[in-house]
PDB file of N, CA and C in Angstrom:
ATOM      1  N   UNK A   1     -13.239  -8.974 125.534  1.00  0.00           N
ATOM      2  CA  UNK A   1     -14.665  -9.839 125.203  1.00  0.00           C
ATOM      3  C   UNK A   1     -13.886 -10.708 124.234  1.00  0.00           C
ATOM      4  N   UNK A   2     -14.515 -11.750 124.227  1.00  0.00           N
ATOM      5  CA  UNK A   2     -14.077 -13.003 122.932  1.00  0.00           C
ATOM      6  C   UNK A   2     -15.059 -12.909 121.876  1.00  0.00           C
ATOM      7  N   UNK A   3     -14.531 -13.061 120.913  1.00  0.00           N
ATOM      8  CA  UNK A   3     -15.374 -13.519 119.408  1.00  0.00           C
ATOM      9  C   UNK A   3     -14.425 -14.555 118.518  1.00  0.00           C
ATOM     10  N   UNK A   4     -15.380 -15.403 118.550  1.00  0.00           N
ATOM     11  CA  UNK A   4     -14.873 -16.844 118.034  1.00  0.00           C
ATOM     12  C   UNK A   4     -13.544 -17.110 118.443  1.00  0.00           C
ATOM     13  N   UNK A   5     -12.039 -17.115 117.845  1.00  0.00           N
ATOM     14  CA  UNK A   5     -10.854 -17.508 118.358  1.00  0.00           C
ATOM     15  C   UNK A   5     -10.032 -16.620 118.842  1.00  0.00           C
ATOM     16  N   UNK A   6     -10.786 -15.341 118.839  1.00  0.00           N
ATOM     17  CA  UNK A   6      -9.640 -14.179 119.716  1.00  0.00           C
ATOM     18  C   UNK A   6     -10.115 -12.967 120.200  1.00  0.00           C
ATOM     19  N   UNK A   7      -9.732 -12.009 120.066  1.00  0.00           N
ATOM     20  CA  UNK A   7     -10.103 -11.038 120.729  1.00  0.00           C
ATOM     21  C   UNK A   7     -10.857 -10.037 120.250  1.00  0.00           C
ATOM     22  N   UNK A   8     -11.904  -9.397 120.921  1.00  0.00           N
ATOM     23  CA  UNK A   8     -12.336  -8.289 119.959  1.00  0.00           C
ATOM     24  C   UNK A   8     -11.573  -6.785 119.800  1.00  0.00           C
ATOM     25  N   UNK A   9     -11.229  -6.502 118.777  1.00  0.00           N
ATOM     26  CA  UNK A   9     -10.457  -5.150 118.797  1.00  0.00           C
ATOM     27  C   UNK A   9     -11.161  -4.004 119.482  1.00  0.00           C
ATOM     28  N   UNK A  10     -10.348  -3.334 120.629  1.00  0.00           N
ATOM     29  CA  UNK A  10     -11.081  -2.331 121.296  1.00  0.00           C
ATOM     30  C   UNK A  10     -11.858  -1.209 120.630  1.00  0.00           C
ATOM     31  N   UNK A  11     -11.428  -0.833 119.484  1.00  0.00           N
ATOM     32  CA  UNK A  11     -12.017  -0.044 118.083  1.00  0.00           C
ATOM     33  C   UNK A  11     -13.402  -0.371 117.922  1.00  0.00           C
ATOM     34  N   UNK A  12     -13.489  -1.519 117.692  1.00  0.00           N
ATOM     35  CA  UNK A  12     -15.096  -2.288 117.599  1.00  0.00           C
ATOM     36  C   UNK A  12     -15.941  -2.043 118.771  1.00  0.00           C
ATOM     37  N   UNK A  13     -15.292  -1.850 119.813  1.00  0.00           N
ATOM     38  CA  UNK A  13     -16.409  -1.386 120.772  1.00  0.00           C
ATOM     39  C   UNK A  13     -16.530  -0.004 121.153  1.00  0.00           C
ATOM     40  N   UNK A  14     -16.162   0.726 120.546  1.00  0.00           N
ATOM     41  CA  UNK A  14     -15.814   2.480 120.908  1.00  0.00           C
ATOM     42  C   UNK A  14     -17.330   2.777 120.371  1.00  0.00           C
ATOM     43  N   UNK A  15     -18.058   3.883 121.196  1.00  0.00           N
ATOM     44  CA  UNK A  15     -18.956   4.233 120.891  1.00  0.00           C
ATOM     45  C   UNK A  15     -19.061   5.089 119.842  1.00  0.00           C
ATOM     46  N   UNK A  16     -20.313   4.957 118.645  1.00  0.00           N
ATOM     47  CA  UNK A  16     -20.067   6.226 117.875  1.00  0.00           C
ATOM     48  C   UNK A  16     -19.925   7.728 117.975  1.00  0.00           C
ATOM     49  N   UNK A  17     -20.943   7.922 119.102  1.00  0.00           N
ATOM     50  CA  UNK A  17     -20.667   9.252 119.457  1.00  0.00           C
ATOM     51  C   UNK A  17     -19.399   9.779 120.273  1.00  0.00           C
ATOM     52  N   UNK A  18     -18.685   8.698 120.645  1.00  0.00           N
ATOM     53  CA  UNK A  18     -17.225   9.139 121.015  1.00  0.00           C
ATOM     54  C   UNK A  18     -16.347   9.320 119.730  1.00  0.00           C
ATOM     55  N   UNK A  19     -16.501   8.277 118.880  1.00  0.00           N
ATOM     56  CA  UNK A  19     -15.884   8.450 117.882  1.00  0.00           C
ATOM     57  C   UNK A  19     -16.333   9.997 116.801  1.00  0.00           C
ATOM     58  N   UNK A  20     -17.429  10.459 116.923  1.00  0.00           N
ATOM     59  CA  UNK A  20     -17.320  11.766 116.619  1.00  0.00           C
ATOM     60  C   UNK A  20     -16.659  12.783 117.369  1.00  0.00           C
ATOM     61  N   UNK A  21     -16.682  12.599 118.632  1.00  0.00           N
ATOM     62  CA  UNK A  21     -16.269  13.518 119.196  1.00  0.00           C
ATOM     63  C   UNK A  21     -14.402  13.759 119.179  1.00  0.00           C
ATOM     64  N   UNK A  22     -13.988  12.549 119.050  1.00  0.00           N
ATOM     65  CA  UNK A  22     -12.770  12.197 118.841  1.00  0.00           C
ATOM     66  C   UNK A  22     -12.322  12.717 117.755  1.00  0.00           C
ATOM     67  N   UNK A  23     -13.117  13.168 116.517  1.00  0.00           N
ATOM     68  CA  UNK A  23     -12.932  13.782 115.611  1.00  0.00           C
ATOM     69  C   UNK A  23     -13.275  15.560 115.505  1.00  0.00           C
ATOM     70  N   UNK A  24     -14.390  15.384 115.962  1.00  0.00           N
ATOM     71  CA  UNK A  24     -14.734  17.180 115.863  1.00  0.00           C
ATOM     72  C   UNK A  24     -14.742  17.844 117.250  1.00  0.00           C
ATOM     73  N   UNK A  25     -14.334  17.288 118.218  1.00  0.00           N
ATOM     74  CA  UNK A  25     -14.246  17.413 119.608  1.00  0.00           C
ATOM     75  C   UNK A  25     -12.958  18.474 119.571  1.00  0.00           C
ATOM     76  N   UNK A  26     -12.999  19.365 120.800  1.00  0.00           N
ATOM     77  CA  UNK A  26     -11.945  20.341 120.459  1.00  0.00           C
ATOM     78  C   UNK A  26     -12.733  21.681 120.648  1.00  0.00           C
ATOM     79  N   UNK A  27     -11.982  22.738 121.618  1.00  0.00           N
ATOM     80  CA  UNK A  27     -12.834  24.174 121.649  1.00  0.00           C
ATOM     81  C   UNK A  27     -13.038  24.760 120.675  1.00  0.00           C
ATOM     82  N   UNK A  28     -12.369  24.676 119.353  1.00  0.00           N
ATOM     83  CA  UNK A  28     -12.234  25.168 117.916  1.00  0.00           C
ATOM     84  C   UNK A  28     -13.024  24.787 116.785  1.00  0.00           C
ATOM     85  N   UNK A  29     -12.836  23.090 116.950  1.00  0.00           N
ATOM     86  CA  UNK A  29     -13.230  22.017 115.735  1.00  0.00           C
ATOM     87  C   UNK A  29     -14.593  22.730 115.402  1.00  0.00           C
ATOM     88  N   UNK A  30     -15.787  22.759 115.780  1.00  0.00           N
ATOM     89  CA  UNK A  30     -16.895  23.012 115.570  1.00  0.00           C
ATOM     90  C   UNK A  30     -16.946  24.143 115.114  1.00  0.00           C
ATOM     91  N   UNK A  31     -16.307  25.007 115.708  1.00  0.00           N
ATOM     92  CA  UNK A  31     -16.479  26.427 115.046  1.00  0.00           C
ATOM     93  C   UNK A  31     -15.677  26.340 113.866  1.00  0.00           C
ATOM     94  N   UNK A  32     -14.822  25.837 113.356  1.00  0.00           N
ATOM     95  CA  UNK A  32     -13.727  26.054 112.434  1.00  0.00           C
ATOM     96  C   UNK A  32     -14.909  25.463 111.348  1.00  0.00           C
ATOM     97  N   UNK A  33     -15.636  24.460 111.730  1.00  0.00           N
ATOM     98  CA  UNK A  33     -16.377  23.567 110.938  1.00  0.00           C
ATOM     99  C   UNK A  33     -17.333  24.625 110.202  1.00  0.00           C
ATOM    100  N   UNK A  34     -18.188  25.065 111.335  1.00  0.00           N
ATOM    101  CA  UNK A  34     -18.733  25.804 111.122  1.00  0.00           C
ATOM    102  C   UNK A  34     -18.930  26.811 110.039  1.00  0.00           C
ATOM    103  N   UNK A  35     -17.660  27.637 109.989  1.00  0.00           N
ATOM    104  CA  UNK A  35     -17.346  28.838 109.503  1.00  0.00           C
ATOM    105  C   UNK A  35     -16.937  28.329 107.800  1.00  0.00           C
ATOM    106  N   UNK A  36     -16.680  27.162 107.645  1.00  0.00           N
ATOM    107  CA  UNK A  36     -16.040  26.351 106.301  1.00  0.00           C
ATOM    108  C   UNK A  36     -17.568  26.255 105.771  1.00  0.00           C
ATOM    109  N   UNK A  37     -18.383  25.901 106.315  1.00  0.00           N
ATOM    110  CA  UNK A  37     -19.617  25.564 105.607  1.00  0.00           C
ATOM    111  C   UNK A  37     -20.329  26.612 104.606  1.00  0.00           C
ATOM    112  N   UNK A  38     -20.139  28.081 104.967  1.00  0.00           N
ATOM    113  CA  UNK A  38     -20.428  28.708 103.826  1.00  0.00           C
ATOM    114  C   UNK A  38     -19.031  29.118 102.866  1.00  0.00           C
ATOM    115  N   UNK A  39     -17.974  28.281 102.738  1.00  0.00           N
ATOM    116  CA  UNK A  39     -17.228  27.968 101.647  1.00  0.00           C
ATOM    117  C   UNK A  39     -15.734  28.213 102.129  1.00  0.00           C
ATOM    118  N   UNK A  40     -14.887  28.132 101.350  1.00  0.00           N
ATOM    119  CA  UNK A  40     -13.491  28.199 101.578  1.00  0.00           C
ATOM    120  C   UNK A  40     -13.028  29.302 102.131  1.00  0.00           C
ATOM    121  N   UNK A  41     -11.850  29.036 103.215  1.00  0.00           N
ATOM    122  CA  UNK A  41     -11.741  30.270 104.071  1.00  0.00           C
ATOM    123  C   UNK A  41      -9.908  30.274 103.815  1.00  0.00           C
ATOM    124  N   UNK A  42      -9.577  31.497 104.026  1.00  0.00           N
ATOM    125  CA  UNK A  42      -8.025  31.497 104.220  1.00  0.00           C
ATOM    126  C   UNK A  42      -7.577  31.274 105.586  1.00  0.00           C
ATOM    127  N   UNK A  43      -6.217  31.038 106.010  1.00  0.00           N
ATOM    128  CA  UNK A  43      -6.101  31.422 107.266  1.00  0.00           C
ATOM    129  C   UNK A  43      -6.410  32.238 108.223  1.00  0.00           C
ATOM    130  N   UNK A  44      -5.946  33.270 107.548  1.00  0.00           N
ATOM    131  CA  UNK A  44      -5.998  34.612 108.116  1.00  0.00           C
ATOM    132  C   UNK A  44      -7.618  35.124 108.188  1.00  0.00           C
ATOM    133  N   UNK A  45      -8.405  34.840 107.776  1.00  0.00           N
ATOM    134  CA  UNK A  45      -9.925  34.782 107.576  1.00  0.00           C
ATOM    135  C   UNK A  45     -10.629  34.167 108.789  1.00  0.00           C
ATOM    136  N   UNK A  46      -9.767  32.580 109.254  1.00  0.00           N
ATOM    137  CA  UNK A  46     -10.436  32.107 110.549  1.00  0.00           C
ATOM    138  C   UNK A  46      -9.879  32.693 111.573  1.00  0.00           C
ATOM    139  N   UNK A  47      -8.383  33.546 111.365  1.00  0.00           N
ATOM    140  CA  UNK A  47      -7.932  33.934 112.945  1.00  0.00           C
ATOM    141  C   UNK A  47      -8.802  35.309 112.752  1.00  0.00           C
ATOM    142  N   UNK A  48      -9.232  36.238 111.898  1.00  0.00           N
ATOM    143  CA  UNK A  48     -10.004  37.273 112.293  1.00  0.00           C
ATOM    144  C   UNK A  48     -11.466  37.401 112.942  1.00  0.00           C
ATOM    145  N   UNK A  49     -12.097  35.920 112.628  1.00  0.00           N
ATOM    146  CA  UNK A  49     -13.315  35.266 112.976  1.00  0.00           C
ATOM    147  C   UNK A  49     -13.288  35.116 114.532  1.00  0.00           C
ATOM    148  N   UNK A  50     -11.951  34.644 114.996  1.00  0.00           N
ATOM    149  CA  UNK A  50     -12.146  34.288 116.533  1.00  0.00           C
ATOM    150  C   UNK A  50     -10.582  34.738 116.738  1.00  0.00           C
ATOM    151  N   UNK A  51      -9.907  36.098 116.915  1.00  0.00           N
ATOM    152  CA  UNK A  51      -8.944  36.450 117.400  1.00  0.00           C
ATOM    153  C   UNK A  51      -8.263  35.726 118.590  1.00  0.00           C
ATOM    154  N   UNK A  52      -9.207  35.413 119.607  1.00  0.00           N
ATOM    155  CA  UNK A  52      -8.685  34.753 120.707  1.00  0.00           C
ATOM    156  C   UNK A  52      -7.683  33.348 120.420  1.00  0.00           C
ATOM    157  N   UNK A  53      -8.137  32.757 119.334  1.00  0.00           N
ATOM    158  CA  UNK A  53      -7.625  31.540 119.019  1.00  0.00           C
ATOM    159  C   UNK A  53      -6.121  31.980 119.076  1.00  0.00           C
ATOM    160  N   UNK A  54      -5.210  31.501 119.479  1.00  0.00           N
ATOM    161  CA  UNK A  54      -3.535  31.686 119.356  1.00  0.00           C
ATOM    162  C   UNK A  54      -3.466  30.874 118.083  1.00  0.00           C
ATOM    163  N   UNK A  55      -2.337  31.469 116.923  1.00  0.00           N
ATOM    164  CA  UNK A  55      -1.968  30.832 115.851  1.00  0.00           C
ATOM    165  C   UNK A  55      -1.738  29.388 116.008  1.00  0.00           C
ATOM    166  N   UNK A  56      -0.979  29.097 116.868  1.00  0.00           N
ATOM    167  CA  UNK A  56      -0.477  27.618 117.330  1.00  0.00           C
ATOM    168  C   UNK A  56      -1.756  26.612 117.382  1.00  0.00           C
ATOM    169  N   UNK A  57      -2.832  26.929 118.332  1.00  0.00           N
ATOM    170  CA  UNK A  57      -4.114  26.370 118.820  1.00  0.00           C
ATOM    171  C   UNK A  57      -4.880  26.055 117.177  1.00  0.00           C
ATOM    172  N   UNK A  58      -4.846  27.373 116.638  1.00  0.00           N
ATOM    173  CA  UNK A  58      -5.821  27.145 115.170  1.00  0.00           C
ATOM    174  C   UNK A  58      -5.086  26.301 114.368  1.00  0.00           C
ATOM    175  N   UNK A  59      -3.379  26.436 114.414  1.00  0.00           N
ATOM    176  CA  UNK A  59      -3.157  25.441 113.144  1.00  0.00           C
ATOM    177  C   UNK A  59      -3.203  23.870 113.528  1.00  0.00           C
ATOM    178  N   UNK A  60      -2.727  23.493 114.945  1.00  0.00           N
ATOM    179  CA  UNK A  60      -2.922  22.252 115.650  1.00  0.00           C
ATOM    180  C   UNK A  60      -4.370  21.985 114.905  1.00  0.00           C
ATOM    181  N   UNK A  61      -5.562  22.666 115.737  1.00  0.00           N
ATOM    182  CA  UNK A  61      -7.101  22.147 114.786  1.00  0.00           C
ATOM    183  C   UNK A  61      -7.134  21.605 113.404  1.00  0.00           C
ATOM    184  N   UNK A  62      -6.485  22.671 112.509  1.00  0.00           N
ATOM    185  CA  UNK A  62      -6.414  22.385 111.159  1.00  0.00           C
ATOM    186  C   UNK A  62      -6.056  21.350 110.769  1.00  0.00           C
ATOM    187  N   UNK A  63      -4.881  21.098 111.256  1.00  0.00           N
ATOM    188  CA  UNK A  63      -4.293  19.760 110.724  1.00  0.00           C
ATOM    189  C   UNK A  63      -4.804  18.747 111.432  1.00  0.00           C
ATOM    190  N   UNK A  64      -5.257  18.661 112.639  1.00  0.00           N
ATOM    191  CA  UNK A  64      -6.469  17.511 112.869  1.00  0.00           C
ATOM    192  C   UNK A  64      -7.091  17.128 112.005  1.00  0.00           C
ATOM    193  N   UNK A  65      -8.177  18.396 111.710  1.00  0.00           N
ATOM    194  CA  UNK A  65      -9.362  18.047 110.552  1.00  0.00           C
ATOM    195  C   UNK A  65      -8.909  17.641 109.762  1.00  0.00           C
ATOM    196  N   UNK A  66      -7.849  18.169 109.219  1.00  0.00           N
ATOM    197  CA  UNK A  66      -7.234  17.859 107.665  1.00  0.00           C
ATOM    198  C   UNK A  66      -6.788  16.109 107.691  1.00  0.00           C
ATOM    199  N   UNK A  67      -6.038  15.727 108.501  1.00  0.00           N
ATOM    200  CA  UNK A  67      -5.511  14.272 108.774  1.00  0.00           C
ATOM    201  C   UNK A  67      -6.656  13.214 108.961  1.00  0.00           C
ATOM    202  N   UNK A  68      -7.980  13.951 109.532  1.00  0.00           N
ATOM    203  CA  UNK A  68      -9.082  12.873 109.530  1.00  0.00           C
ATOM    204  C   UNK A  68      -9.947  13.354 107.965  1.00  0.00           C
ATOM    205  N   UNK A  69      -9.380  13.788 107.154  1.00  0.00           N
ATOM    206  CA  UNK A  69     -10.397  13.883 106.099  1.00  0.00           C
ATOM    207  C   UNK A  69     -11.477  14.703 105.864  1.00  0.00           C
ATOM    208  N   UNK A  70     -11.612  15.493 107.029  1.00  0.00           N
ATOM    209  CA  UNK A  70     -12.589  16.761 107.017  1.00  0.00           C
ATOM    210  C   UNK A  70     -12.754  17.709 106.462  1.00  0.00           C
ATOM    211  N   UNK A  71     -11.502  18.082 106.252  1.00  0.00           N
ATOM    212  CA  UNK A  71     -10.977  19.254 105.485  1.00  0.00           C
ATOM    213  C   UNK A  71     -10.072  19.163 104.454  1.00  0.00           C
ATOM    214  N   UNK A  72      -9.966  20.141 103.598  1.00  0.00           N
ATOM    215  CA  UNK A  72      -8.799  20.202 102.563  1.00  0.00           C
ATOM    216  C   UNK A  72      -7.887  21.410 102.473  1.00  0.00           C
ATOM    217  N   UNK A  73      -6.775  21.203 102.744  1.00  0.00           N
ATOM    218  CA  UNK A  73      -5.678  22.379 102.692  1.00  0.00           C
ATOM    219  C   UNK A  73      -5.099  22.376 101.258  1.00  0.00           C
ATOM    220  N   UNK A  74      -5.264  23.544 100.921  1.00  0.00           N
ATOM    221  CA  UNK A  74      -4.514  24.259  99.392  1.00  0.00           C
ATOM    222  C   UNK A  74      -3.703  25.240  99.531  1.00  0.00           C
ATOM    223  N   UNK A  75      -2.503  24.864  99.472  1.00  0.00           N
ATOM    224  CA  UNK A  75      -1.386  25.783  99.232  1.00  0.00           C
ATOM    225  C   UNK A  75      -0.904  26.654  97.732  1.00  0.00           C
ATOM    226  N   UNK A  76      -1.048  28.083  97.963  1.00  0.00           N
ATOM    227  CA  UNK A  76      -0.476  28.848  96.638  1.00  0.00           C
ATOM    228  C   UNK A  76       1.196  28.963  97.117  1.00  0.00           C
ATOM    229  N   UNK A  77       1.557  28.710  95.708  1.00  0.00           N
ATOM    230  CA  UNK A  77       3.271  28.644  95.566  1.00  0.00           C
ATOM    231  C   UNK A  77       3.445  30.294  95.550  1.00  0.00           C
ATOM    232  N   UNK A  78       3.409  31.231  96.434  1.00  0.00           N
ATOM    233  CA  UNK A  78       3.351  32.614  96.055  1.00  0.00           C
ATOM    234  C   UNK A  78       3.799  33.303  97.348  1.00  0.00           C
ATOM    235  N   UNK A  79       4.237  34.609  97.336  1.00  0.00           N
ATOM    236  CA  UNK A  79       4.565  35.322  98.438  1.00  0.00           C
ATOM    237  C   UNK A  79       3.929  36.587  98.820  1.00  0.00           C
ATOM    238  N   UNK A  80       2.988  37.133  99.647  1.00  0.00           N
ATOM    239  CA  UNK A  80       3.265  35.525 100.877  1.00  0.00           C
ATOM    240  C   UNK A  80       2.372  34.773 100.679  1.00  0.00           C
ATOM    241  N   UNK A  81       2.693  33.543 101.436  1.00  0.00           N
ATOM    242  CA  UNK A  81       2.239  32.216 101.287  1.00  0.00           C
ATOM    243  C   UNK A  81       0.771  32.647 101.823  1.00  0.00           C
ATOM    244  N   UNK A  82       0.046  31.778 100.742  1.00  0.00           N
ATOM    245  CA  UNK A  82      -1.547  31.386 100.810  1.00  0.00           C
ATOM    246  C   UNK A  82      -2.071  30.282 101.103  1.00  0.00           C
ATOM    247  N   UNK A  83      -2.986  29.743 102.137  1.00  0.00           N
ATOM    248  CA  UNK A  83      -3.275  28.877 102.158  1.00  0.00           C
ATOM    249  C   UNK A  83      -4.612  29.109 102.546  1.00  0.00           C
ATOM    250  N   UNK A  84      -5.625  28.235 101.986  1.00  0.00           N
ATOM    251  CA  UNK A  84      -6.779  28.125 102.060  1.00  0.00           C
ATOM    252  C   UNK A  84      -7.139  26.703 102.358  1.00  0.00           C
ATOM    253  N   UNK A  85      -8.763  26.658 103.269  1.00  0.00           N
ATOM    254  CA  UNK A  85      -8.936  25.591 103.995  1.00  0.00           C
ATOM    255  C   UNK A  85     -10.817  25.424 103.570  1.00  0.00           C
ATOM    256  N   UNK A  86     -11.161  24.225 103.100  1.00  0.00           N
ATOM    257  CA  UNK A  86     -12.378  23.884 102.877  1.00  0.00           C
ATOM    258  C   UNK A  86     -12.871  22.976 103.207  1.00  0.00           C
ATOM    259  N   UNK A  87     -14.104  22.417 103.223  1.00  0.00           N
ATOM    260  CA  UNK A  87     -14.563  21.380 103.653  1.00  0.00           C
ATOM    261  C   UNK A  87     -14.808  19.832 102.487  1.00  0.00           C
ATOM    262  N   UNK A  88     -14.161  18.797 102.894  1.00  0.00           N
ATOM    263  CA  UNK A  88     -14.317  17.891 101.455  1.00  0.00           C
ATOM    264  C   UNK A  88     -15.628  17.741 101.980  1.00  0.00           C
ATOM    265  N   UNK A  89     -15.851  16.795 100.547  1.00  0.00           N
ATOM    266  CA  UNK A  89     -17.197  15.639 100.506  1.00  0.00           C
ATOM    267  C   UNK A  89     -17.449  15.200 101.797  1.00  0.00           C
ATOM    268  N   UNK A  90     -16.571  14.492 102.127  1.00  0.00           N
ATOM    269  CA  UNK A  90     -16.820  13.601 103.850  1.00  0.00           C
ATOM    270  C   UNK A  90     -16.912  14.419 104.664  1.00  0.00           C
ATOM    271  N   UNK A  91     -16.122  16.077 104.944  1.00  0.00           N
ATOM    272  CA  UNK A  91     -16.393  16.916 105.915  1.00  0.00           C
ATOM    273  C   UNK A  91     -18.030  17.578 106.101  1.00  0.00           C
ATOM    274  N   UNK A  92     -18.468  17.592 104.222  1.00  0.00           N
ATOM    275  CA  UNK A  92     -19.695  17.978 104.148  1.00  0.00           C
ATOM    276  C   UNK A  92     -21.153  17.273 104.773  1.00  0.00           C
ATOM    277  N   UNK A  93     -20.653  15.653 105.253  1.00  0.00           N
ATOM    278  CA  UNK A  93     -21.254  15.148 105.871  1.00  0.00           C
ATOM    279  C   UNK A  93     -22.080  15.694 107.293  1.00  0.00           C
ATOM    280  N   UNK A  94     -21.511  16.201 107.882  1.00  0.00           N
ATOM    281  CA  UNK A  94     -20.937  16.984 109.429  1.00  0.00           C
ATOM    282  C   UNK A  94     -22.077  18.163 109.104  1.00  0.00           C
ATOM    283  N   UNK A  95     -22.322  18.944 108.424  1.00  0.00           N
ATOM    284  CA  UNK A  95     -23.411  19.756 108.165  1.00  0.00           C
ATOM    285  C   UNK A  95     -24.573  19.909 109.061  1.00  0.00           C
ATOM    286  N   UNK A  96     -25.254  18.722 108.851  1.00  0.00           N
ATOM    287  CA  UNK A  96     -26.208  18.512 109.660  1.00  0.00           C
ATOM    288  C   UNK A  96     -26.355  18.796 111.114  1.00  0.00           C
ATOM    289  N   UNK A  97     -24.961  18.028 111.745  1.00  0.00           N
ATOM    290  CA  UNK A  97     -24.375  17.882 112.975  1.00  0.00           C
ATOM    291  C   UNK A  97     -24.023  19.194 113.417  1.00  0.00           C
ATOM    292  N   UNK A  98     -23.499  19.903 112.547  1.00  0.00           N
ATOM    293  CA  UNK A  98     -23.050  21.529 113.047  1.00  0.00           C
ATOM    294  C   UNK A  98     -24.071  22.268 113.253  1.00  0.00           C
ATOM    295  N   UNK A  99     -25.085  22.311 112.159  1.00  0.00           N
ATOM    296  CA  UNK A  99     -26.384  23.034 112.279  1.00  0.00           C
ATOM    297  C   UNK A  99     -27.124  22.629 113.232  1.00  0.00           C
ATOM    298  N   UNK A 100     -27.604  21.429 113.807  1.00  0.00           N
ATOM    299  CA  UNK A 100     -27.968  21.094 115.297  1.00  0.00           C
ATOM    300  C   UNK A 100     -27.810  21.408 116.395  1.00  0.00           C
ATOM    301  N   UNK A 101     -25.935  21.667 116.193  1.00  0.00           N
ATOM    302  CA  UNK A 101     -25.442  22.166 117.416  1.00  0.00           C
ATOM    303  C   UNK A 101     -25.637  23.576 117.410  1.00  0.00           C
ATOM    304  N   UNK A 102     -25.562  24.315 116.440  1.00  0.00           N
ATOM    305  CA  UNK A 102     -25.817  25.771 116.278  1.00  0.00           C
ATOM    306  C   UNK A 102     -27.288  25.975 116.800  1.00  0.00           C
ATOM    307  N   UNK A 103     -28.503  25.183 116.317  1.00  0.00           N
ATOM    308  CA  UNK A 103     -29.441  25.562 116.859  1.00  0.00           C
ATOM    309  C   UNK A 103     -29.775  25.434 118.369  1.00  0.00           C
ATOM    310  N   UNK A 104     -28.924  24.058 119.141  1.00  0.00           N
ATOM    311  CA  UNK A 104     -29.254  24.107 120.243  1.00  0.00           C
ATOM    312  C   UNK A 104     -28.514  25.202 120.888  1.00  0.00           C
ATOM    313  N   UNK A 105     -27.311  25.367 120.465  1.00  0.00           N
ATOM    314  CA  UNK A 105     -26.496  26.480 121.328  1.00  0.00           C
ATOM    315  C   UNK A 105     -27.552  27.851 121.344  1.00  0.00           C
ATOM    316  N   UNK A 106     -27.921  28.109 120.184  1.00  0.00           N
ATOM    317  CA  UNK A 106     -28.744  29.185 120.562  1.00  0.00           C
ATOM    318  C   UNK A 106     -30.069  29.174 121.276  1.00  0.00           C
ATOM    319  N   UNK A 107     -31.121  27.967 121.292  1.00  0.00           N
ATOM    320  CA  UNK A 107     -31.793  27.565 122.749  1.00  0.00           C
ATOM    321  C   UNK A 107     -31.197  27.885 123.688  1.00  0.00           C
ATOM    322  N   UNK A 108     -30.339  27.280 123.964  1.00  0.00           N
ATOM    323  CA  UNK A 108     -29.327  26.663 125.353  1.00  0.00           C
ATOM    324  C   UNK A 108     -29.113  28.266 125.593  1.00  0.00           C
ATOM    325  N   UNK A 109     -28.561  29.310 124.899  1.00  0.00           N
ATOM    326  CA  UNK A 109     -28.349  30.672 125.436  1.00  0.00           C
ATOM    327  C   UNK A 109     -29.665  31.758 125.545  1.00  0.00           C
ATOM    328  N   UNK A 110     -30.873  31.225 124.907  1.00  0.00           N
ATOM    329  CA  UNK A 110     -32.299  31.897 125.355  1.00  0.00           C
ATOM    330  C   UNK A 110     -32.605  31.415 126.831  1.00  0.00           C
ATOM    331  N   UNK A 111     -32.444  29.979 127.216  1.00  0.00           N
ATOM    332  CA  UNK A 111     -33.299  29.931 128.170  1.00  0.00           C
ATOM    333  C   UNK A 111     -32.178  29.644 129.760  1.00  0.00           C
ATOM    334  N   UNK A 112     -30.558  30.139 129.358  1.00  0.00           N
ATOM    335  CA  UNK A 112     -29.867  30.808 130.566  1.00  0.00           C
ATOM    336  C   UNK A 112     -30.221  31.769 130.957  1.00  0.00           C
ATOM    337  N   UNK A 113     -30.063  32.230 132.319  1.00  0.00           N
ATOM    338  CA  UNK A 113     -30.213  33.544 132.784  1.00  0.00           C
ATOM    339  C   UNK A 113     -28.863  34.271 132.456  1.00  0.00           C
ATOM    340  N   UNK A 114     -29.257  35.472 132.189  1.00  0.00           N
ATOM    341  CA  UNK A 114     -27.702  36.452 131.696  1.00  0.00           C
ATOM    342  C   UNK A 114     -26.945  36.790 132.777  1.00  0.00           C
ATOM    343  N   UNK A 115     -25.677  36.540 132.932  1.00  0.00           N
ATOM    344  CA  UNK A 115     -24.447  36.768 133.454  1.00  0.00           C
ATOM    345  C   UNK A 115     -25.065  37.932 134.617  1.00  0.00           C
ATOM    346  N   UNK A 116     -25.620  38.940 134.284  1.00  0.00           N
ATOM    347  CA  UNK A 116     -25.927  39.945 135.469  1.00  0.00           C
ATOM    348  C   UNK A 116     -27.003  39.925 136.254  1.00  0.00           C
ATOM    349  N   UNK A 117     -27.900  38.741 135.825  1.00  0.00           N
ATOM    350  CA  UNK A 117     -28.745  38.322 136.661  1.00  0.00           C
ATOM    351  C   UNK A 117     -28.669  37.193 137.372  1.00  0.00           C
ATOM    352  N   UNK A 118     -27.378  36.646 137.530  1.00  0.00           N
ATOM    353  CA  UNK A 118     -26.818  35.475 138.260  1.00  0.00           C
ATOM    354  C   UNK A 118     -26.450  36.379 139.666  1.00  0.00           C
TER     355      UNK A 118
END
């Protein structure tokens, strides 16, 4: 698509919903954000919430959220190492979205048949 004397940058055409999913999409990012809404968590605390998430995947998802400016990572210089994660001010702007997703998930779970009935 042309604008004036040049091409429109492809990122200018990107759907805002797609952008949101690019940032918070992924199996565990929404869950991580939901649990950080209640306050700062250590890496081990996040692992305990969902033990089925591998160390590697949790680390990747946390790094991506940190790179996007959604969460902050604080490292303490001690043995054993202590690392804490919290929502940034910008990350807190996602709280209403995450809460709506929680509500929708509850509604969906209420209306779908139980697996034993299927």
